Amino acid sequence: MATINQVLGGCNGQAKRMCASFDKLSREAADDLASLMHPSSYPAKMVLFSENEPSNYIYVVLEGEVKLSMNSSEGKRLILRIARKGEIVGLSSLFTGNPYELTAETLYPCVLACIERREYLNYLMRHPEVYQTLIEELGRQLTQACEQLRTLALSASAPEKLARLLLDWSKNGQTNESGDRFRFSLTHEEVGEFIGTSRETVTRTLKVFKNLRLVTFHGSTLSIPNRTALESYAAC
Protein backbone atom coordinates (compact mmCIF):
# COMPACT_ATOMS: atom_id res chain seq x y z
CA MET A 1 0.00 0.00 0.00
CA ALA A 2 1.26 3.49 -0.85
CA THR A 3 2.29 5.78 2.00
CA ILE A 4 0.82 9.25 2.44
CA ASN A 5 4.07 10.81 1.17
CA GLN A 6 3.97 8.63 -1.94
CA VAL A 7 0.37 9.65 -2.60
CA LEU A 8 1.07 13.36 -2.15
CA GLY A 9 4.55 13.54 -3.64
CA GLY A 10 6.42 16.85 -3.31
CA CYS A 11 4.62 20.10 -2.47
CA ASN A 12 5.60 23.67 -3.24
CA GLY A 13 4.77 27.08 -1.82
CA GLN A 14 1.98 27.50 0.71
CA ALA A 15 0.83 23.90 0.20
CA LYS A 16 4.02 22.79 1.97
CA ARG A 17 2.30 23.67 5.23
CA MET A 18 -0.46 21.17 4.63
CA CYS A 19 1.96 18.50 3.41
CA ALA A 20 4.12 19.14 6.49
CA SER A 21 1.00 18.60 8.61
CA PHE A 22 0.56 15.16 7.04
CA ASP A 23 4.14 14.40 8.10
CA LYS A 24 3.11 15.03 11.71
CA LEU A 25 0.58 12.18 11.64
CA SER A 26 1.38 8.95 13.42
CA ARG A 27 2.37 6.06 11.17
CA GLU A 28 -0.96 4.37 11.85
CA ALA A 29 -3.01 7.51 11.06
CA ALA A 30 -0.97 8.23 7.92
CA ASP A 31 -1.36 4.69 6.59
CA ASP A 32 -5.08 4.71 7.35
CA LEU A 33 -5.48 8.01 5.49
CA ALA A 34 -3.50 6.73 2.51
CA SER A 35 -5.88 3.75 2.31
CA LEU A 36 -8.81 6.18 1.86
CA MET A 37 -7.15 8.16 -0.92
CA HIS A 38 -7.80 6.70 -4.36
CA PRO A 39 -6.45 9.15 -6.95
CA SER A 40 -8.60 9.93 -9.98
CA SER A 41 -8.03 12.25 -12.93
CA TYR A 42 -10.37 15.17 -13.53
CA PRO A 43 -10.52 17.32 -16.70
CA ALA A 44 -10.05 21.08 -16.75
CA LYS A 45 -13.06 23.29 -15.97
CA MET A 46 -14.92 20.48 -14.17
CA VAL A 47 -17.20 21.60 -11.32
CA LEU A 48 -16.57 19.33 -8.33
CA PHE A 49 -19.43 20.81 -6.33
CA SER A 50 -21.56 23.95 -6.28
CA GLU A 51 -22.83 26.24 -3.54
CA ASN A 52 -25.82 24.91 -1.60
CA GLU A 53 -25.29 21.32 -2.76
CA PRO A 54 -25.18 18.65 -0.02
CA SER A 55 -21.62 18.37 1.33
CA ASN A 56 -21.12 14.66 0.71
CA TYR A 57 -17.40 14.63 -0.14
CA ILE A 58 -14.05 16.27 0.49
CA TYR A 59 -11.26 16.39 -2.09
CA VAL A 60 -7.52 16.21 -1.52
CA VAL A 61 -5.57 17.94 -4.30
CA LEU A 62 -2.76 15.65 -5.46
CA GLU A 63 -1.89 17.43 -8.73
CA GLY A 64 -3.19 20.65 -10.27
CA GLU A 65 -5.24 23.52 -8.88
CA VAL A 66 -8.89 24.00 -7.88
CA LYS A 67 -10.65 27.37 -8.05
CA LEU A 68 -13.00 28.21 -5.16
CA SER A 69 -15.62 30.90 -5.74
CA MET A 70 -18.90 32.42 -4.56
CA ASN A 71 -21.68 33.39 -6.96
CA SER A 72 -24.57 35.83 -6.64
CA SER A 73 -28.10 35.28 -7.93
CA GLU A 74 -27.35 37.97 -10.54
CA GLY A 75 -24.48 35.92 -11.96
CA LYS A 76 -21.59 37.88 -10.43
CA ARG A 77 -18.70 35.75 -9.20
CA LEU A 78 -15.99 36.32 -6.60
CA ILE A 79 -13.02 33.95 -6.62
CA LEU A 80 -11.81 33.49 -3.04
CA ARG A 81 -8.73 31.34 -3.44
CA ILE A 82 -7.00 28.58 -5.37
CA ALA A 83 -6.42 25.24 -3.65
CA ARG A 84 -3.14 23.62 -4.59
CA LYS A 85 -1.34 20.33 -4.11
CA GLY A 86 -1.70 18.92 -0.61
CA GLU A 87 -4.78 21.00 0.30
CA ILE A 88 -8.23 19.71 1.25
CA VAL A 89 -11.26 21.17 -0.54
CA GLY A 90 -14.64 21.19 1.21
CA LEU A 91 -13.14 20.99 4.68
CA SER A 92 -15.35 23.52 6.50
CA SER A 93 -18.56 21.77 5.42
CA LEU A 94 -17.12 18.48 6.62
CA PHE A 95 -17.69 19.41 10.26
CA THR A 96 -20.93 21.37 10.01
CA GLY A 97 -22.74 19.05 7.65
CA ASN A 98 -24.16 22.18 6.01
CA PRO A 99 -24.33 22.50 2.21
CA TYR A 100 -21.16 23.64 0.46
CA GLU A 101 -20.72 27.39 0.86
CA LEU A 102 -18.43 27.63 -2.20
CA THR A 103 -18.20 26.33 -5.75
CA ALA A 104 -15.11 24.26 -6.60
CA GLU A 105 -13.87 23.94 -10.19
CA THR A 106 -10.65 22.51 -11.60
CA LEU A 107 -8.48 25.09 -13.38
CA TYR A 108 -6.83 22.51 -15.64
CA PRO A 109 -6.46 18.69 -15.57
CA CYS A 110 -6.09 17.58 -11.95
CA VAL A 111 -5.51 14.46 -9.91
CA LEU A 112 -7.72 14.43 -6.81
CA ALA A 113 -8.61 11.98 -4.05
CA CYS A 114 -12.34 12.09 -3.34
CA ILE A 115 -13.30 10.88 0.15
CA GLU A 116 -16.89 10.44 1.32
CA ARG A 117 -17.73 12.71 4.26
CA ARG A 118 -18.95 9.97 6.60
CA GLU A 119 -15.90 7.85 5.78
CA TYR A 120 -13.57 10.70 6.69
CA LEU A 121 -15.45 11.45 9.92
CA ASN A 122 -15.08 7.79 10.89
CA TYR A 123 -11.36 8.14 10.18
CA LEU A 124 -11.20 11.09 12.58
CA MET A 125 -12.95 9.05 15.26
CA ARG A 126 -10.25 6.41 14.89
CA HIS A 127 -7.47 9.03 15.00
CA PRO A 128 -8.66 12.05 17.05
CA GLU A 129 -5.13 13.49 17.07
CA VAL A 130 -5.70 14.47 13.42
CA TYR A 131 -8.12 17.20 14.55
CA GLN A 132 -5.13 19.40 15.43
CA THR A 133 -3.90 19.22 11.85
CA LEU A 134 -7.33 20.13 10.49
CA ILE A 135 -7.73 23.03 12.94
CA GLU A 136 -4.43 24.45 11.68
CA GLU A 137 -5.58 24.07 8.07
CA LEU A 138 -8.93 25.75 8.77
CA GLY A 139 -7.07 28.60 10.47
CA ARG A 140 -4.85 29.00 7.41
CA GLN A 141 -7.89 29.09 5.12
CA LEU A 142 -9.52 31.71 7.35
CA THR A 143 -6.36 33.84 7.18
CA GLN A 144 -6.43 33.61 3.38
CA ALA A 145 -10.08 34.67 3.33
CA CYS A 146 -9.29 37.66 5.56
CA GLU A 147 -6.43 38.72 3.30
CA GLN A 148 -8.71 38.45 0.28
CA LEU A 149 -11.31 40.65 1.99
CA ARG A 150 -8.57 43.12 2.97
CA THR A 151 -7.48 43.39 -0.66
CA LEU A 152 -11.02 43.83 -1.98
CA ALA A 153 -12.30 46.24 0.66
CA LEU A 154 -9.24 48.28 1.62
CA SER A 155 -7.08 48.47 -1.51
CA ALA A 156 -7.80 51.77 -3.22
CA SER A 157 -7.01 50.97 -6.84
CA ALA A 158 -6.95 48.16 -9.39
CA PRO A 159 -3.11 48.31 -9.74
CA GLU A 160 -2.75 47.90 -5.98
CA LYS A 161 -5.16 44.95 -5.90
CA LEU A 162 -3.49 43.25 -8.86
CA ALA A 163 0.00 43.80 -7.46
CA ARG A 164 -1.05 42.22 -4.16
CA LEU A 165 -2.55 39.25 -5.99
CA LEU A 166 0.51 38.61 -8.16
CA LEU A 167 2.84 38.87 -5.16
CA ASP A 168 0.70 36.38 -3.27
CA TRP A 169 0.68 33.92 -6.17
CA SER A 170 4.45 34.23 -6.53
CA LYS A 171 4.82 32.53 -3.13
CA ASN A 172 3.78 29.28 -4.83
CA GLY A 173 6.30 29.59 -7.65
CA GLN A 174 10.04 29.42 -8.08
CA THR A 175 12.85 31.95 -7.86
CA ASN A 176 15.82 32.15 -10.23
CA GLU A 177 18.10 34.77 -11.75
CA SER A 178 15.15 36.30 -13.67
CA GLY A 179 13.08 36.77 -10.51
CA ASP A 180 10.02 35.05 -9.09
CA ARG A 181 8.22 32.82 -11.60
CA PHE A 182 4.86 31.06 -11.46
CA ARG A 183 2.19 29.63 -13.71
CA PHE A 184 -0.37 32.27 -14.66
CA SER A 185 -3.37 29.96 -15.06
CA LEU A 186 -6.37 32.31 -14.92
CA THR A 187 -7.94 34.32 -17.71
CA HIS A 188 -8.09 38.10 -17.37
CA GLU A 189 -11.80 37.78 -16.62
CA GLU A 190 -11.07 35.33 -13.80
CA VAL A 191 -8.37 37.61 -12.40
CA GLY A 192 -10.96 40.37 -12.39
CA GLU A 193 -13.28 38.08 -10.40
CA PHE A 194 -10.47 37.65 -7.90
CA ILE A 195 -10.00 41.37 -7.26
CA GLY A 196 -13.50 42.68 -7.99
CA THR A 197 -12.82 44.51 -11.25
CA SER A 198 -13.48 44.11 -14.98
CA ARG A 199 -11.57 42.06 -17.54
CA GLU A 200 -10.73 45.27 -19.41
CA THR A 201 -9.20 46.82 -16.29
CA VAL A 202 -7.07 43.73 -15.68
CA THR A 203 -5.84 43.73 -19.29
CA ARG A 204 -5.03 47.44 -19.15
CA THR A 205 -3.24 47.17 -15.78
CA LEU A 206 -1.16 44.16 -16.87
CA LYS A 207 -0.11 46.09 -19.97
CA VAL A 208 1.09 48.94 -17.74
CA PHE A 209 2.97 46.47 -15.52
CA LYS A 210 4.64 44.91 -18.58
CA ASN A 211 5.62 48.30 -20.00
CA LEU A 212 7.20 49.19 -16.65
CA ARG A 213 8.98 45.81 -16.57
CA LEU A 214 7.24 44.94 -13.32
CA VAL A 215 6.16 41.63 -14.87
CA THR A 216 7.12 39.61 -17.95
CA PHE A 217 5.37 36.72 -19.66
CA HIS A 218 6.88 33.60 -21.22
CA GLY A 219 3.94 31.60 -22.50
CA SER A 220 1.80 30.77 -19.48
CA THR A 221 4.60 31.66 -17.03
CA LEU A 222 4.66 35.07 -15.34
CA SER A 223 7.90 36.45 -13.92
CA ILE A 224 8.40 39.30 -11.45
CA PRO A 225 11.90 40.66 -12.26
CA ASN A 226 11.84 43.31 -9.54
CA ARG A 227 9.77 42.27 -6.54
CA THR A 228 10.55 45.49 -4.65
CA ALA A 229 9.16 47.63 -7.48
CA LEU A 230 5.93 45.61 -7.63
CA GLU A 231 5.63 45.80 -3.84
CA SER A 232 5.62 49.58 -4.13
CA TYR A 233 2.37 49.29 -6.09
CA ALA A 234 0.90 46.90 -3.53
CA ALA A 235 1.67 49.41 -0.77
CA CYS A 236 0.01 52.38 -2.47
C-alpha atoms as a PDB file:
ATOM      1  CA  MET A   1       0.000   0.000   0.000  1.00  0.00           C
ATOM      2  CA  ALA A   2       1.261   3.491  -0.848  1.00  0.00           C
ATOM      3  CA  THR A   3       2.295   5.777   1.999  1.00  0.00           C
ATOM      4  CA  ILE A   4       0.818   9.252   2.439  1.00  0.00           C
ATOM      5  CA  ASN A   5       4.072  10.811   1.171  1.00  0.00           C
ATOM      6  CA  GLN A   6       3.972   8.632  -1.944  1.00  0.00           C
ATOM      7  CA  VAL A   7       0.374   9.648  -2.600  1.00  0.00           C
ATOM      8  CA  LEU A   8       1.069  13.357  -2.152  1.00  0.00           C
ATOM      9  CA  GLY A   9       4.552  13.542  -3.641  1.00  0.00           C
ATOM     10  CA  GLY A  10       6.416  16.849  -3.310  1.00  0.00           C
ATOM     11  CA  CYS A  11       4.621  20.096  -2.473  1.00  0.00           C
ATOM     12  CA  ASN A  12       5.600  23.672  -3.241  1.00  0.00           C
ATOM     13  CA  GLY A  13       4.770  27.083  -1.815  1.00  0.00           C
ATOM     14  CA  GLN A  14       1.984  27.499   0.705  1.00  0.00           C
ATOM     15  CA  ALA A  15       0.831  23.903   0.196  1.00  0.00           C
ATOM     16  CA  LYS A  16       4.022  22.793   1.968  1.00  0.00           C
ATOM     17  CA  ARG A  17       2.296  23.674   5.228  1.00  0.00           C
ATOM     18  CA  MET A  18      -0.461  21.169   4.627  1.00  0.00           C
ATOM     19  CA  CYS A  19       1.964  18.501   3.412  1.00  0.00           C
ATOM     20  CA  ALA A  20       4.117  19.137   6.492  1.00  0.00           C
ATOM     21  CA  SER A  21       1.002  18.604   8.605  1.00  0.00           C
ATOM     22  CA  PHE A  22       0.564  15.163   7.039  1.00  0.00           C
ATOM     23  CA  ASP A  23       4.136  14.403   8.095  1.00  0.00           C
ATOM     24  CA  LYS A  24       3.111  15.029  11.708  1.00  0.00           C
ATOM     25  CA  LEU A  25       0.579  12.183  11.640  1.00  0.00           C
ATOM     26  CA  SER A  26       1.378   8.949  13.415  1.00  0.00           C
ATOM     27  CA  ARG A  27       2.368   6.063  11.168  1.00  0.00           C
ATOM     28  CA  GLU A  28      -0.959   4.372  11.848  1.00  0.00           C
ATOM     29  CA  ALA A  29      -3.009   7.508  11.056  1.00  0.00           C
ATOM     30  CA  ALA A  30      -0.969   8.230   7.919  1.00  0.00           C
ATOM     31  CA  ASP A  31      -1.355   4.690   6.588  1.00  0.00           C
ATOM     32  CA  ASP A  32      -5.076   4.711   7.354  1.00  0.00           C
ATOM     33  CA  LEU A  33      -5.481   8.012   5.488  1.00  0.00           C
ATOM     34  CA  ALA A  34      -3.505   6.735   2.508  1.00  0.00           C
ATOM     35  CA  SER A  35      -5.877   3.754   2.309  1.00  0.00           C
ATOM     36  CA  LEU A  36      -8.808   6.181   1.858  1.00  0.00           C
ATOM     37  CA  MET A  37      -7.150   8.160  -0.919  1.00  0.00           C
ATOM     38  CA  HIS A  38      -7.799   6.703  -4.357  1.00  0.00           C
ATOM     39  CA  PRO A  39      -6.450   9.150  -6.949  1.00  0.00           C
ATOM     40  CA  SER A  40      -8.602   9.934  -9.977  1.00  0.00           C
ATOM     41  CA  SER A  41      -8.029  12.254 -12.934  1.00  0.00           C
ATOM     42  CA  TYR A  42     -10.374  15.171 -13.529  1.00  0.00           C
ATOM     43  CA  PRO A  43     -10.522  17.316 -16.696  1.00  0.00           C
ATOM     44  CA  ALA A  44     -10.047  21.077 -16.748  1.00  0.00           C
ATOM     45  CA  LYS A  45     -13.060  23.288 -15.967  1.00  0.00           C
ATOM     46  CA  MET A  46     -14.917  20.484 -14.170  1.00  0.00           C
ATOM     47  CA  VAL A  47     -17.202  21.598 -11.319  1.00  0.00           C
ATOM     48  CA  LEU A  48     -16.568  19.326  -8.333  1.00  0.00           C
ATOM     49  CA  PHE A  49     -19.427  20.815  -6.330  1.00  0.00           C
ATOM     50  CA  SER A  50     -21.563  23.952  -6.275  1.00  0.00           C
ATOM     51  CA  GLU A  51     -22.827  26.238  -3.544  1.00  0.00           C
ATOM     52  CA  ASN A  52     -25.824  24.909  -1.603  1.00  0.00           C
ATOM     53  CA  GLU A  53     -25.293  21.318  -2.763  1.00  0.00           C
ATOM     54  CA  PRO A  54     -25.181  18.648  -0.020  1.00  0.00           C
ATOM     55  CA  SER A  55     -21.622  18.369   1.333  1.00  0.00           C
ATOM     56  CA  ASN A  56     -21.117  14.662   0.711  1.00  0.00           C
ATOM     57  CA  TYR A  57     -17.403  14.628  -0.140  1.00  0.00           C
ATOM     58  CA  ILE A  58     -14.053  16.267   0.492  1.00  0.00           C
ATOM     59  CA  TYR A  59     -11.265  16.387  -2.089  1.00  0.00           C
ATOM     60  CA  VAL A  60      -7.520  16.209  -1.522  1.00  0.00           C
ATOM     61  CA  VAL A  61      -5.570  17.939  -4.297  1.00  0.00           C
ATOM     62  CA  LEU A  62      -2.763  15.647  -5.463  1.00  0.00           C
ATOM     63  CA  GLU A  63      -1.894  17.425  -8.728  1.00  0.00           C
ATOM     64  CA  GLY A  64      -3.189  20.646 -10.272  1.00  0.00           C
ATOM     65  CA  GLU A  65      -5.239  23.524  -8.880  1.00  0.00           C
ATOM     66  CA  VAL A  66      -8.886  24.004  -7.883  1.00  0.00           C
ATOM     67  CA  LYS A  67     -10.649  27.371  -8.050  1.00  0.00           C
ATOM     68  CA  LEU A  68     -13.003  28.212  -5.159  1.00  0.00           C
ATOM     69  CA  SER A  69     -15.618  30.898  -5.741  1.00  0.00           C
ATOM     70  CA  MET A  70     -18.900  32.418  -4.558  1.00  0.00           C
ATOM     71  CA  ASN A  71     -21.684  33.391  -6.957  1.00  0.00           C
ATOM     72  CA  SER A  72     -24.570  35.828  -6.643  1.00  0.00           C
ATOM     73  CA  SER A  73     -28.095  35.277  -7.926  1.00  0.00           C
ATOM     74  CA  GLU A  74     -27.354  37.970 -10.544  1.00  0.00           C
ATOM     75  CA  GLY A  75     -24.482  35.918 -11.956  1.00  0.00           C
ATOM     76  CA  LYS A  76     -21.587  37.885 -10.432  1.00  0.00           C
ATOM     77  CA  ARG A  77     -18.700  35.748  -9.202  1.00  0.00           C
ATOM     78  CA  LEU A  78     -15.995  36.323  -6.600  1.00  0.00           C
ATOM     79  CA  ILE A  79     -13.019  33.953  -6.619  1.00  0.00           C
ATOM     80  CA  LEU A  80     -11.808  33.491  -3.039  1.00  0.00           C
ATOM     81  CA  ARG A  81      -8.728  31.342  -3.443  1.00  0.00           C
ATOM     82  CA  ILE A  82      -7.000  28.576  -5.371  1.00  0.00           C
ATOM     83  CA  ALA A  83      -6.418  25.237  -3.654  1.00  0.00           C
ATOM     84  CA  ARG A  84      -3.137  23.622  -4.592  1.00  0.00           C
ATOM     85  CA  LYS A  85      -1.336  20.333  -4.108  1.00  0.00           C
ATOM     86  CA  GLY A  86      -1.701  18.918  -0.609  1.00  0.00           C
ATOM     87  CA  GLU A  87      -4.779  20.995   0.297  1.00  0.00           C
ATOM     88  CA  ILE A  88      -8.230  19.711   1.253  1.00  0.00           C
ATOM     89  CA  VAL A  89     -11.259  21.171  -0.544  1.00  0.00           C
ATOM     90  CA  GLY A  90     -14.636  21.194   1.211  1.00  0.00           C
ATOM     91  CA  LEU A  91     -13.142  20.991   4.683  1.00  0.00           C
ATOM     92  CA  SER A  92     -15.350  23.517   6.497  1.00  0.00           C
ATOM     93  CA  SER A  93     -18.560  21.775   5.423  1.00  0.00           C
ATOM     94  CA  LEU A  94     -17.119  18.479   6.620  1.00  0.00           C
ATOM     95  CA  PHE A  95     -17.687  19.415  10.260  1.00  0.00           C
ATOM     96  CA  THR A  96     -20.929  21.369  10.013  1.00  0.00           C
ATOM     97  CA  GLY A  97     -22.743  19.047   7.650  1.00  0.00           C
ATOM     98  CA  ASN A  98     -24.162  22.179   6.012  1.00  0.00           C
ATOM     99  CA  PRO A  99     -24.326  22.495   2.210  1.00  0.00           C
ATOM    100  CA  TYR A 100     -21.165  23.643   0.461  1.00  0.00           C
ATOM    101  CA  GLU A 101     -20.722  27.394   0.859  1.00  0.00           C
ATOM    102  CA  LEU A 102     -18.431  27.629  -2.201  1.00  0.00           C
ATOM    103  CA  THR A 103     -18.200  26.332  -5.754  1.00  0.00           C
ATOM    104  CA  ALA A 104     -15.107  24.256  -6.600  1.00  0.00           C
ATOM    105  CA  GLU A 105     -13.865  23.944 -10.188  1.00  0.00           C
ATOM    106  CA  THR A 106     -10.649  22.508 -11.604  1.00  0.00           C
ATOM    107  CA  LEU A 107      -8.479  25.089 -13.383  1.00  0.00           C
ATOM    108  CA  TYR A 108      -6.828  22.510 -15.635  1.00  0.00           C
ATOM    109  CA  PRO A 109      -6.457  18.688 -15.575  1.00  0.00           C
ATOM    110  CA  CYS A 110      -6.093  17.576 -11.947  1.00  0.00           C
ATOM    111  CA  VAL A 111      -5.512  14.460  -9.908  1.00  0.00           C
ATOM    112  CA  LEU A 112      -7.715  14.428  -6.806  1.00  0.00           C
ATOM    113  CA  ALA A 113      -8.607  11.978  -4.055  1.00  0.00           C
ATOM    114  CA  CYS A 114     -12.342  12.086  -3.339  1.00  0.00           C
ATOM    115  CA  ILE A 115     -13.299  10.883   0.155  1.00  0.00           C
ATOM    116  CA  GLU A 116     -16.886  10.443   1.321  1.00  0.00           C
ATOM    117  CA  ARG A 117     -17.730  12.712   4.259  1.00  0.00           C
ATOM    118  CA  ARG A 118     -18.948   9.974   6.604  1.00  0.00           C
ATOM    119  CA  GLU A 119     -15.896   7.846   5.777  1.00  0.00           C
ATOM    120  CA  TYR A 120     -13.573  10.700   6.694  1.00  0.00           C
ATOM    121  CA  LEU A 121     -15.450  11.448   9.924  1.00  0.00           C
ATOM    122  CA  ASN A 122     -15.077   7.792  10.888  1.00  0.00           C
ATOM    123  CA  TYR A 123     -11.358   8.136  10.181  1.00  0.00           C
ATOM    124  CA  LEU A 124     -11.199  11.095  12.584  1.00  0.00           C
ATOM    125  CA  MET A 125     -12.952   9.046  15.264  1.00  0.00           C
ATOM    126  CA  ARG A 126     -10.245   6.406  14.895  1.00  0.00           C
ATOM    127  CA  HIS A 127      -7.467   9.030  15.002  1.00  0.00           C
ATOM    128  CA  PRO A 128      -8.661  12.051  17.050  1.00  0.00           C
ATOM    129  CA  GLU A 129      -5.129  13.492  17.068  1.00  0.00           C
ATOM    130  CA  VAL A 130      -5.698  14.468  13.418  1.00  0.00           C
ATOM    131  CA  TYR A 131      -8.116  17.195  14.546  1.00  0.00           C
ATOM    132  CA  GLN A 132      -5.129  19.402  15.433  1.00  0.00           C
ATOM    133  CA  THR A 133      -3.901  19.220  11.848  1.00  0.00           C
ATOM    134  CA  LEU A 134      -7.329  20.126  10.491  1.00  0.00           C
ATOM    135  CA  ILE A 135      -7.730  23.025  12.936  1.00  0.00           C
ATOM    136  CA  GLU A 136      -4.426  24.449  11.676  1.00  0.00           C
ATOM    137  CA  GLU A 137      -5.582  24.070   8.072  1.00  0.00           C
ATOM    138  CA  LEU A 138      -8.927  25.750   8.771  1.00  0.00           C
ATOM    139  CA  GLY A 139      -7.073  28.603  10.469  1.00  0.00           C
ATOM    140  CA  ARG A 140      -4.847  29.001   7.411  1.00  0.00           C
ATOM    141  CA  GLN A 141      -7.885  29.090   5.117  1.00  0.00           C
ATOM    142  CA  LEU A 142      -9.516  31.711   7.352  1.00  0.00           C
ATOM    143  CA  THR A 143      -6.361  33.837   7.179  1.00  0.00           C
ATOM    144  CA  GLN A 144      -6.426  33.607   3.383  1.00  0.00           C
ATOM    145  CA  ALA A 145     -10.076  34.672   3.334  1.00  0.00           C
ATOM    146  CA  CYS A 146      -9.290  37.664   5.557  1.00  0.00           C
ATOM    147  CA  GLU A 147      -6.426  38.721   3.296  1.00  0.00           C
ATOM    148  CA  GLN A 148      -8.715  38.446   0.281  1.00  0.00           C
ATOM    149  CA  LEU A 149     -11.313  40.650   1.986  1.00  0.00           C
ATOM    150  CA  ARG A 150      -8.574  43.120   2.968  1.00  0.00           C
ATOM    151  CA  THR A 151      -7.479  43.392  -0.661  1.00  0.00           C
ATOM    152  CA  LEU A 152     -11.023  43.827  -1.976  1.00  0.00           C
ATOM    153  CA  ALA A 153     -12.296  46.239   0.659  1.00  0.00           C
ATOM    154  CA  LEU A 154      -9.235  48.280   1.616  1.00  0.00           C
ATOM    155  CA  SER A 155      -7.082  48.469  -1.510  1.00  0.00           C
ATOM    156  CA  ALA A 156      -7.798  51.771  -3.223  1.00  0.00           C
ATOM    157  CA  SER A 157      -7.012  50.972  -6.842  1.00  0.00           C
ATOM    158  CA  ALA A 158      -6.946  48.157  -9.385  1.00  0.00           C
ATOM    159  CA  PRO A 159      -3.106  48.308  -9.739  1.00  0.00           C
ATOM    160  CA  GLU A 160      -2.754  47.905  -5.978  1.00  0.00           C
ATOM    161  CA  LYS A 161      -5.157  44.946  -5.902  1.00  0.00           C
ATOM    162  CA  LEU A 162      -3.495  43.254  -8.857  1.00  0.00           C
ATOM    163  CA  ALA A 163       0.001  43.801  -7.464  1.00  0.00           C
ATOM    164  CA  ARG A 164      -1.052  42.224  -4.156  1.00  0.00           C
ATOM    165  CA  LEU A 165      -2.553  39.246  -5.987  1.00  0.00           C
ATOM    166  CA  LEU A 166       0.510  38.609  -8.155  1.00  0.00           C
ATOM    167  CA  LEU A 167       2.844  38.867  -5.162  1.00  0.00           C
ATOM    168  CA  ASP A 168       0.697  36.383  -3.273  1.00  0.00           C
ATOM    169  CA  TRP A 169       0.679  33.917  -6.174  1.00  0.00           C
ATOM    170  CA  SER A 170       4.452  34.226  -6.529  1.00  0.00           C
ATOM    171  CA  LYS A 171       4.819  32.530  -3.130  1.00  0.00           C
ATOM    172  CA  ASN A 172       3.776  29.283  -4.825  1.00  0.00           C
ATOM    173  CA  GLY A 173       6.300  29.592  -7.646  1.00  0.00           C
ATOM    174  CA  GLN A 174      10.040  29.418  -8.082  1.00  0.00           C
ATOM    175  CA  THR A 175      12.855  31.954  -7.864  1.00  0.00           C
ATOM    176  CA  ASN A 176      15.822  32.146 -10.233  1.00  0.00           C
ATOM    177  CA  GLU A 177      18.100  34.775 -11.754  1.00  0.00           C
ATOM    178  CA  SER A 178      15.155  36.301 -13.669  1.00  0.00           C
ATOM    179  CA  GLY A 179      13.077  36.770 -10.511  1.00  0.00           C
ATOM    180  CA  ASP A 180      10.017  35.054  -9.085  1.00  0.00           C
ATOM    181  CA  ARG A 181       8.220  32.823 -11.602  1.00  0.00           C
ATOM    182  CA  PHE A 182       4.863  31.056 -11.455  1.00  0.00           C
ATOM    183  CA  ARG A 183       2.193  29.632 -13.713  1.00  0.00           C
ATOM    184  CA  PHE A 184      -0.374  32.273 -14.655  1.00  0.00           C
ATOM    185  CA  SER A 185      -3.368  29.964 -15.058  1.00  0.00           C
ATOM    186  CA  LEU A 186      -6.370  32.306 -14.925  1.00  0.00           C
ATOM    187  CA  THR A 187      -7.938  34.323 -17.713  1.00  0.00           C
ATOM    188  CA  HIS A 188      -8.090  38.105 -17.375  1.00  0.00           C
ATOM    189  CA  GLU A 189     -11.798  37.781 -16.619  1.00  0.00           C
ATOM    190  CA  GLU A 190     -11.074  35.326 -13.796  1.00  0.00           C
ATOM    191  CA  VAL A 191      -8.368  37.606 -12.400  1.00  0.00           C
ATOM    192  CA  GLY A 192     -10.963  40.367 -12.385  1.00  0.00           C
ATOM    193  CA  GLU A 193     -13.277  38.084 -10.399  1.00  0.00           C
ATOM    194  CA  PHE A 194     -10.465  37.649  -7.904  1.00  0.00           C
ATOM    195  CA  ILE A 195      -9.999  41.371  -7.263  1.00  0.00           C
ATOM    196  CA  GLY A 196     -13.498  42.682  -7.991  1.00  0.00           C
ATOM    197  CA  THR A 197     -12.822  44.513 -11.249  1.00  0.00           C
ATOM    198  CA  SER A 198     -13.482  44.110 -14.976  1.00  0.00           C
ATOM    199  CA  ARG A 199     -11.571  42.060 -17.537  1.00  0.00           C
ATOM    200  CA  GLU A 200     -10.734  45.266 -19.407  1.00  0.00           C
ATOM    201  CA  THR A 201      -9.202  46.817 -16.292  1.00  0.00           C
ATOM    202  CA  VAL A 202      -7.066  43.729 -15.676  1.00  0.00           C
ATOM    203  CA  THR A 203      -5.843  43.730 -19.288  1.00  0.00           C
ATOM    204  CA  ARG A 204      -5.027  47.440 -19.146  1.00  0.00           C
ATOM    205  CA  THR A 205      -3.238  47.170 -15.785  1.00  0.00           C
ATOM    206  CA  LEU A 206      -1.165  44.164 -16.869  1.00  0.00           C
ATOM    207  CA  LYS A 207      -0.108  46.091 -19.970  1.00  0.00           C
ATOM    208  CA  VAL A 208       1.092  48.937 -17.738  1.00  0.00           C
ATOM    209  CA  PHE A 209       2.965  46.465 -15.515  1.00  0.00           C
ATOM    210  CA  LYS A 210       4.638  44.907 -18.577  1.00  0.00           C
ATOM    211  CA  ASN A 211       5.624  48.299 -20.003  1.00  0.00           C
ATOM    212  CA  LEU A 212       7.204  49.189 -16.647  1.00  0.00           C
ATOM    213  CA  ARG A 213       8.977  45.812 -16.568  1.00  0.00           C
ATOM    214  CA  LEU A 214       7.242  44.937 -13.321  1.00  0.00           C
ATOM    215  CA  VAL A 215       6.155  41.631 -14.867  1.00  0.00           C
ATOM    216  CA  THR A 216       7.119  39.610 -17.950  1.00  0.00           C
ATOM    217  CA  PHE A 217       5.370  36.722 -19.662  1.00  0.00           C
ATOM    218  CA  HIS A 218       6.883  33.602 -21.216  1.00  0.00           C
ATOM    219  CA  GLY A 219       3.941  31.598 -22.501  1.00  0.00           C
ATOM    220  CA  SER A 220       1.802  30.772 -19.484  1.00  0.00           C
ATOM    221  CA  THR A 221       4.599  31.663 -17.032  1.00  0.00           C
ATOM    222  CA  LEU A 222       4.660  35.073 -15.344  1.00  0.00           C
ATOM    223  CA  SER A 223       7.897  36.453 -13.919  1.00  0.00           C
ATOM    224  CA  ILE A 224       8.401  39.298 -11.447  1.00  0.00           C
ATOM    225  CA  PRO A 225      11.903  40.660 -12.260  1.00  0.00           C
ATOM    226  CA  ASN A 226      11.843  43.312  -9.537  1.00  0.00           C
ATOM    227  CA  ARG A 227       9.775  42.273  -6.540  1.00  0.00           C
ATOM    228  CA  THR A 228      10.546  45.490  -4.646  1.00  0.00           C
ATOM    229  CA  ALA A 229       9.160  47.627  -7.482  1.00  0.00           C
ATOM    230  CA  LEU A 230       5.932  45.615  -7.630  1.00  0.00           C
ATOM    231  CA  GLU A 231       5.632  45.800  -3.840  1.00  0.00           C
ATOM    232  CA  SER A 232       5.622  49.579  -4.131  1.00  0.00           C
ATOM    233  CA  TYR A 233       2.367  49.294  -6.089  1.00  0.00           C
ATOM    234  CA  ALA A 234       0.899  46.896  -3.528  1.00  0.00           C
ATOM    235  CA  ALA A 235       1.674  49.405  -0.767  1.00  0.00           C
ATOM    236  CA  CYS A 236       0.006  52.383  -2.466  1.00  0.00           C
END
